[in-house]
């Protein structure tokens, strides 16, 4: 007979919760990617020629990159 491993209810719930989070995160990334329009190389060159980052001051922007790495905001 093979040994069995049992999980208590809390451990099982935590495992399922984390697994669902991982899947949802992956699906959100797929969804966001689907919403982004395709840009070919010529169009990207035109965009970069028209809107150079040097044309804008850093003070005019808010850095939000750290908003997306904070796991505490997902709960």
N, C-alpha and C. Protein backbone atom coordinates (compact mmCIF):
# COMPACT_ATOMS: atom_id res chain seq x y z
N UNK A 1 0.84 -1.17 0.00
CA UNK A 1 0.00 0.00 0.00
C UNK A 1 0.89 1.24 0.00
N UNK A 2 0.51 2.25 -0.80
CA UNK A 2 1.30 3.46 -0.91
C UNK A 2 0.98 4.41 0.25
N UNK A 3 2.01 5.12 0.72
CA UNK A 3 1.75 6.08 1.79
C UNK A 3 0.93 7.25 1.25
N UNK A 4 0.07 7.79 2.05
CA UNK A 4 -0.73 8.94 1.65
C UNK A 4 -0.30 10.16 2.45
N UNK A 5 -0.40 11.29 1.80
CA UNK A 5 -0.09 12.55 2.46
C UNK A 5 -1.39 13.32 2.60
N UNK A 6 -1.69 13.74 3.79
CA UNK A 6 -2.93 14.49 3.99
C UNK A 6 -2.60 15.94 4.29
N UNK A 7 -3.48 16.82 3.83
CA UNK A 7 -3.35 18.24 4.10
C UNK A 7 -4.51 18.66 4.99
N UNK A 8 -4.21 19.53 5.92
CA UNK A 8 -5.32 20.05 6.70
C UNK A 8 -6.09 21.06 5.83
N UNK A 9 -7.25 21.44 6.28
CA UNK A 9 -8.13 22.29 5.48
C UNK A 9 -7.50 23.63 5.15
N UNK A 10 -6.80 24.24 6.10
CA UNK A 10 -6.18 25.54 5.89
C UNK A 10 -5.07 25.46 4.85
N UNK A 11 -4.25 24.42 4.93
CA UNK A 11 -3.16 24.26 3.97
C UNK A 11 -3.72 24.03 2.57
N UNK A 12 -4.76 23.23 2.45
CA UNK A 12 -5.38 22.98 1.17
C UNK A 12 -5.99 24.26 0.60
N UNK A 13 -6.65 25.02 1.45
CA UNK A 13 -7.25 26.28 1.03
C UNK A 13 -6.17 27.25 0.54
N UNK A 14 -5.07 27.36 1.26
CA UNK A 14 -3.97 28.24 0.86
C UNK A 14 -3.37 27.80 -0.46
N UNK A 15 -3.22 26.51 -0.65
CA UNK A 15 -2.66 25.98 -1.90
C UNK A 15 -3.57 26.29 -3.08
N UNK A 16 -4.85 26.08 -2.91
CA UNK A 16 -5.81 26.37 -3.97
C UNK A 16 -5.85 27.87 -4.27
N UNK A 17 -5.84 28.68 -3.22
CA UNK A 17 -5.89 30.13 -3.37
C UNK A 17 -4.69 30.64 -4.16
N UNK A 18 -3.50 30.16 -3.84
CA UNK A 18 -2.30 30.57 -4.55
C UNK A 18 -2.33 30.10 -5.99
N UNK A 19 -2.81 28.89 -6.22
CA UNK A 19 -2.90 28.36 -7.59
C UNK A 19 -3.86 29.18 -8.43
N UNK A 20 -4.99 29.55 -7.85
CA UNK A 20 -5.96 30.37 -8.58
C UNK A 20 -5.37 31.74 -8.88
N UNK A 21 -4.64 32.31 -7.93
CA UNK A 21 -3.98 33.61 -8.17
C UNK A 21 -3.01 33.53 -9.35
N UNK A 22 -2.22 32.48 -9.39
CA UNK A 22 -1.25 32.30 -10.48
C UNK A 22 -1.96 32.23 -11.83
N UNK A 23 -3.01 31.45 -11.88
CA UNK A 23 -3.74 31.29 -13.14
C UNK A 23 -4.40 32.61 -13.54
N UNK A 24 -5.00 33.30 -12.58
CA UNK A 24 -5.64 34.58 -12.89
C UNK A 24 -4.62 35.61 -13.37
N UNK A 25 -3.46 35.64 -12.75
CA UNK A 25 -2.41 36.56 -13.17
C UNK A 25 -1.99 36.27 -14.60
N UNK A 26 -1.80 35.00 -14.94
CA UNK A 26 -1.44 34.62 -16.30
C UNK A 26 -2.53 35.02 -17.29
N UNK A 27 -3.77 34.80 -16.92
CA UNK A 27 -4.88 35.14 -17.82
C UNK A 27 -5.01 36.66 -18.00
N UNK A 28 -4.77 37.42 -16.94
CA UNK A 28 -4.80 38.88 -17.07
C UNK A 28 -3.73 39.35 -18.03
N UNK A 29 -2.51 38.78 -17.93
CA UNK A 29 -1.44 39.16 -18.84
C UNK A 29 -1.80 38.82 -20.28
N UNK A 30 -2.42 37.66 -20.49
CA UNK A 30 -2.86 37.30 -21.85
C UNK A 30 -3.91 38.28 -22.34
N UNK A 31 -4.83 38.66 -21.46
CA UNK A 31 -5.88 39.61 -21.82
C UNK A 31 -5.29 40.97 -22.18
N UNK A 32 -4.38 41.48 -21.36
CA UNK A 32 -3.74 42.76 -21.65
C UNK A 32 -2.98 42.71 -22.97
N UNK A 33 -2.29 41.62 -23.22
CA UNK A 33 -1.55 41.47 -24.46
C UNK A 33 -2.50 41.46 -25.65
N UNK A 34 -3.64 40.84 -25.49
CA UNK A 34 -4.63 40.78 -26.56
C UNK A 34 -5.17 42.18 -26.88
N UNK A 35 -5.26 43.04 -25.86
CA UNK A 35 -5.80 44.39 -26.05
C UNK A 35 -4.80 45.35 -26.70
N UNK A 36 -3.53 45.04 -26.62
CA UNK A 36 -2.53 45.93 -27.20
C UNK A 36 -2.53 45.80 -28.73
N UNK A 37 -2.59 46.91 -29.41
CA UNK A 37 -2.59 46.83 -30.87
C UNK A 37 -1.21 46.45 -31.41
N UNK A 38 -1.20 45.78 -32.54
CA UNK A 38 0.06 45.41 -33.19
C UNK A 38 0.66 46.64 -33.83
N UNK A 39 1.96 46.81 -33.68
CA UNK A 39 2.69 47.92 -34.28
C UNK A 39 3.85 47.33 -35.06
N UNK A 40 3.88 47.58 -36.37
CA UNK A 40 5.01 47.06 -37.16
C UNK A 40 6.21 47.99 -37.02
N UNK A 41 7.32 47.58 -37.57
CA UNK A 41 8.58 48.33 -37.40
C UNK A 41 8.50 49.74 -37.98
N UNK A 42 7.86 49.90 -39.14
CA UNK A 42 7.74 51.23 -39.74
C UNK A 42 6.90 52.16 -38.87
N UNK A 43 5.79 51.65 -38.37
CA UNK A 43 4.93 52.46 -37.51
C UNK A 43 5.64 52.83 -36.21
N UNK A 44 6.40 51.88 -35.65
CA UNK A 44 7.14 52.16 -34.43
C UNK A 44 8.20 53.24 -34.67
N UNK A 45 8.84 53.20 -35.81
CA UNK A 45 9.83 54.23 -36.16
C UNK A 45 9.18 55.60 -36.26
N UNK A 46 7.99 55.65 -36.87
CA UNK A 46 7.26 56.91 -36.98
C UNK A 46 6.88 57.45 -35.60
N UNK A 47 6.44 56.57 -34.73
CA UNK A 47 6.06 56.96 -33.38
C UNK A 47 7.27 57.51 -32.64
N UNK A 48 8.40 56.80 -32.71
CA UNK A 48 9.60 57.26 -32.01
C UNK A 48 10.12 58.57 -32.58
N UNK A 49 9.96 58.80 -33.89
CA UNK A 49 10.40 60.06 -34.49
C UNK A 49 9.50 61.21 -34.08
N UNK A 50 8.21 60.93 -33.90
CA UNK A 50 7.26 61.99 -33.54
C UNK A 50 7.24 62.30 -32.05
N UNK A 51 7.44 61.29 -31.24
CA UNK A 51 7.32 61.44 -29.79
C UNK A 51 8.58 60.95 -29.10
N UNK A 52 9.60 61.74 -29.12
CA UNK A 52 10.85 61.38 -28.50
C UNK A 52 10.77 61.60 -26.98
N UNK A 53 11.29 60.69 -26.17
CA UNK A 53 11.28 60.89 -24.71
C UNK A 53 11.99 62.16 -24.27
N UNK A 54 12.93 62.63 -25.06
CA UNK A 54 13.65 63.85 -24.71
C UNK A 54 12.76 65.09 -24.79
N UNK A 55 11.61 64.96 -25.46
CA UNK A 55 10.69 66.09 -25.59
C UNK A 55 9.88 66.36 -24.33
N UNK A 56 9.97 65.49 -23.35
CA UNK A 56 9.13 65.58 -22.15
C UNK A 56 9.98 65.65 -20.89
N UNK A 57 9.47 66.38 -19.90
CA UNK A 57 10.15 66.48 -18.61
C UNK A 57 9.75 65.32 -17.72
N UNK A 58 10.69 64.80 -16.95
CA UNK A 58 10.39 63.71 -16.02
C UNK A 58 9.39 64.13 -14.95
N UNK A 59 9.35 65.41 -14.63
CA UNK A 59 8.44 65.89 -13.59
C UNK A 59 6.97 65.78 -14.01
N UNK A 60 6.73 65.65 -15.31
CA UNK A 60 5.36 65.58 -15.82
C UNK A 60 4.75 64.19 -15.68
N UNK A 61 5.53 63.23 -15.20
CA UNK A 61 5.07 61.85 -15.13
C UNK A 61 5.11 61.31 -13.71
N UNK A 62 4.29 60.31 -13.46
CA UNK A 62 4.27 59.62 -12.19
C UNK A 62 4.74 58.19 -12.44
N UNK A 63 5.74 57.75 -11.71
CA UNK A 63 6.25 56.39 -11.85
C UNK A 63 5.33 55.43 -11.11
N UNK A 64 4.65 54.57 -11.85
CA UNK A 64 3.69 53.64 -11.26
C UNK A 64 4.17 52.19 -11.34
N UNK A 65 5.42 51.99 -11.73
CA UNK A 65 5.91 50.62 -11.91
C UNK A 65 5.88 49.82 -10.62
N UNK A 66 6.08 50.47 -9.49
CA UNK A 66 6.08 49.73 -8.22
C UNK A 66 4.66 49.34 -7.79
N UNK A 67 3.64 49.91 -8.41
CA UNK A 67 2.27 49.56 -8.07
C UNK A 67 1.96 48.11 -8.44
N UNK A 68 2.62 47.58 -9.45
CA UNK A 68 2.27 46.28 -9.99
C UNK A 68 3.05 45.14 -9.39
N UNK A 69 4.04 45.41 -8.58
CA UNK A 69 4.83 44.35 -7.97
C UNK A 69 4.45 44.06 -6.54
N UNK A 70 3.52 44.83 -6.00
CA UNK A 70 3.15 44.71 -4.59
C UNK A 70 2.08 43.65 -4.43
N UNK A 71 2.44 42.50 -3.89
CA UNK A 71 1.52 41.39 -3.70
C UNK A 71 0.41 41.72 -2.70
N UNK A 72 0.64 42.64 -1.78
CA UNK A 72 -0.36 42.96 -0.78
C UNK A 72 -1.59 43.63 -1.40
N UNK A 73 -1.45 44.19 -2.60
CA UNK A 73 -2.56 44.86 -3.25
C UNK A 73 -3.48 43.87 -3.97
N UNK A 74 -3.09 42.60 -4.05
CA UNK A 74 -3.91 41.63 -4.77
C UNK A 74 -4.97 41.02 -3.88
N UNK A 75 -4.96 41.33 -2.61
CA UNK A 75 -5.92 40.69 -1.70
C UNK A 75 -7.08 41.57 -1.39
